Amino acid sequence: MTPMLGNANGTAVGMTPLAHLTIYKVCSDFGCLDSDILAAMDAAVEDGMDVLFLSLGGGSAPIFEDSMAVGTLEGMNFHDLFSRE
């Protein structure tokens, strides 16, 4: 297991002990750009992730103007489960 920024050394186990946790960095000093978030979602799908969990702050927008909502709907076309907090 690769530590995240020198933290989280070891193995994380929960309800699904054989699950693998993959973390994609999408925020920088300039904020969390939609293009970076959507690129990480694409990468996760391409990497074969079964479940994507996004926990990001920010404002809201009408659903068809919200790139996160559009990206999530597009991801559902691949039959992936998305949870957005």
C-alpha atoms as a PDB file:
ATOM      1  CA  MET A   1       0.000   0.000   0.000  1.00  0.00           C
ATOM      2  CA  THR A   2       1.310   3.429  -0.909  1.00  0.00           C
ATOM      3  CA  PRO A   3       1.076   6.002   1.890  1.00  0.00           C
ATOM      4  CA  MET A   4      -0.779   9.244   1.174  1.00  0.00           C
ATOM      5  CA  LEU A   5       1.532  12.213   1.779  1.00  0.00           C
ATOM      6  CA  GLY A   6       3.519  10.146   4.268  1.00  0.00           C
ATOM      7  CA  ASN A   7       0.393   9.256   6.254  1.00  0.00           C
ATOM      8  CA  ALA A   8      -1.805   6.167   6.412  1.00  0.00           C
ATOM      9  CA  ASN A   9       0.968   3.589   6.448  1.00  0.00           C
ATOM     10  CA  GLY A  10      -0.404   0.053   6.675  1.00  0.00           C
ATOM     11  CA  THR A  11      -3.579  -1.592   5.510  1.00  0.00           C
ATOM     12  CA  ALA A  12      -7.090  -0.194   5.915  1.00  0.00           C
ATOM     13  CA  VAL A  13      -9.837  -2.762   6.472  1.00  0.00           C
ATOM     14  CA  GLY A  14     -13.572  -2.251   6.825  1.00  0.00           C
ATOM     15  CA  MET A  15     -16.826  -3.893   5.860  1.00  0.00           C
ATOM     16  CA  THR A  16     -15.226  -5.281   2.726  1.00  0.00           C
ATOM     17  CA  PRO A  17     -11.813  -6.537   3.833  1.00  0.00           C
ATOM     18  CA  LEU A  18     -10.729  -7.510   0.310  1.00  0.00           C
ATOM     19  CA  ALA A  19     -11.583  -4.098  -1.167  1.00  0.00           C
ATOM     20  CA  HIS A  20      -8.840  -1.798  -2.418  1.00  0.00           C
ATOM     21  CA  LEU A  21      -8.834   1.931  -1.731  1.00  0.00           C
ATOM     22  CA  THR A  22      -7.563   4.205  -4.474  1.00  0.00           C
ATOM     23  CA  ILE A  23      -7.183   7.946  -3.979  1.00  0.00           C
ATOM     24  CA  TYR A  24      -7.044  10.471  -6.805  1.00  0.00           C
ATOM     25  CA  LYS A  25      -5.793  13.979  -6.011  1.00  0.00           C
ATOM     26  CA  VAL A  26      -7.990  16.573  -7.699  1.00  0.00           C
ATOM     27  CA  CYS A  27      -7.343  19.763  -5.725  1.00  0.00           C
ATOM     28  CA  SER A  28      -4.320  22.042  -5.886  1.00  0.00           C
ATOM     29  CA  ASP A  29      -3.310  25.405  -4.490  1.00  0.00           C
ATOM     30  CA  PHE A  30      -5.650  26.920  -7.076  1.00  0.00           C
ATOM     31  CA  GLY A  31      -8.706  24.983  -5.897  1.00  0.00           C
ATOM     32  CA  CYS A  32     -10.580  21.974  -7.210  1.00  0.00           C
ATOM     33  CA  LEU A  33     -11.067  22.459 -10.933  1.00  0.00           C
ATOM     34  CA  ASP A  34     -13.986  20.645 -12.540  1.00  0.00           C
ATOM     35  CA  SER A  35     -11.699  19.432 -15.315  1.00  0.00           C
ATOM     36  CA  ASP A  36      -9.380  17.764 -12.769  1.00  0.00           C
ATOM     37  CA  ILE A  37     -12.295  16.162 -10.931  1.00  0.00           C
ATOM     38  CA  LEU A  38     -13.823  14.811 -14.152  1.00  0.00           C
ATOM     39  CA  ALA A  39     -10.410  13.548 -15.310  1.00  0.00           C
ATOM     40  CA  ALA A  40     -10.028  11.654 -12.016  1.00  0.00           C
ATOM     41  CA  MET A  41     -13.502  10.156 -12.443  1.00  0.00           C
ATOM     42  CA  ASP A  42     -12.555   9.000 -15.946  1.00  0.00           C
ATOM     43  CA  ALA A  43      -9.284   7.563 -14.635  1.00  0.00           C
ATOM     44  CA  ALA A  44     -11.126   5.672 -11.884  1.00  0.00           C
ATOM     45  CA  VAL A  45     -13.514   4.114 -14.401  1.00  0.00           C
ATOM     46  CA  GLU A  46     -10.604   3.199 -16.681  1.00  0.00           C
ATOM     47  CA  ASP A  47      -8.733   1.738 -13.674  1.00  0.00           C
ATOM     48  CA  GLY A  48     -11.678  -0.585 -13.032  1.00  0.00           C
ATOM     49  CA  MET A  49     -12.942   0.964  -9.811  1.00  0.00           C
ATOM     50  CA  ASP A  50     -16.308  -0.505  -8.794  1.00  0.00           C
ATOM     51  CA  VAL A  51     -17.440   2.337  -6.521  1.00  0.00           C
ATOM     52  CA  LEU A  52     -16.573   6.030  -6.626  1.00  0.00           C
ATOM     53  CA  PHE A  53     -17.092   8.230  -3.588  1.00  0.00           C
ATOM     54  CA  LEU A  54     -16.656  11.982  -3.995  1.00  0.00           C
ATOM     55  CA  SER A  55     -16.537  14.290  -1.013  1.00  0.00           C
ATOM     56  CA  LEU A  56     -15.934  17.836  -2.234  1.00  0.00           C
ATOM     57  CA  GLY A  57     -17.238  21.190  -1.069  1.00  0.00           C
ATOM     58  CA  GLY A  58     -18.567  23.908  -3.301  1.00  0.00           C
ATOM     59  CA  GLY A  59     -21.645  25.719  -4.468  1.00  0.00           C
ATOM     60  CA  SER A  60     -24.614  24.311  -6.284  1.00  0.00           C
ATOM     61  CA  ALA A  61     -25.865  24.886  -9.813  1.00  0.00           C
ATOM     62  CA  PRO A  62     -28.801  23.690 -11.915  1.00  0.00           C
ATOM     63  CA  ILE A  63     -28.251  20.000 -12.676  1.00  0.00           C
ATOM     64  CA  PHE A  64     -27.416  20.402 -16.377  1.00  0.00           C
ATOM     65  CA  GLU A  65     -24.957  23.218 -15.625  1.00  0.00           C
ATOM     66  CA  ASP A  66     -23.221  21.243 -12.869  1.00  0.00           C
ATOM     67  CA  SER A  67     -20.284  19.401 -14.422  1.00  0.00           C
ATOM     68  CA  MET A  68     -20.123  17.043 -11.427  1.00  0.00           C
ATOM     69  CA  ALA A  69     -23.749  16.016 -11.937  1.00  0.00           C
ATOM     70  CA  VAL A  70     -23.230  15.548 -15.679  1.00  0.00           C
ATOM     71  CA  GLY A  71     -20.060  13.537 -15.048  1.00  0.00           C
ATOM     72  CA  THR A  72     -21.861  11.362 -12.504  1.00  0.00           C
ATOM     73  CA  LEU A  73     -24.755  10.722 -14.885  1.00  0.00           C
ATOM     74  CA  GLU A  74     -22.286   9.831 -17.635  1.00  0.00           C
ATOM     75  CA  GLY A  75     -20.486   7.467 -15.257  1.00  0.00           C
ATOM     76  CA  MET A  76     -23.766   5.724 -14.494  1.00  0.00           C
ATOM     77  CA  ASN A  77     -23.904   4.793 -18.179  1.00  0.00           C
ATOM     78  CA  PHE A  78     -20.994   2.474 -17.330  1.00  0.00           C
ATOM     79  CA  HIS A  79     -23.131   0.923 -14.529  1.00  0.00           C
ATOM     80  CA  ASP A  80     -20.880   2.277 -11.803  1.00  0.00           C
ATOM     81  CA  LEU A  81     -22.262   3.351  -8.468  1.00  0.00           C
ATOM     82  CA  PHE A  82     -21.534   6.956  -7.542  1.00  0.00           C
ATOM     83  CA  SER A  83     -22.008   8.539  -4.160  1.00  0.00           C
ATOM     84  CA  ARG A  84     -21.583  12.296  -3.902  1.00  0.00           C
ATOM     85  CA  GLU A  85     -21.410  14.071  -0.574  1.00  0.00           C
END
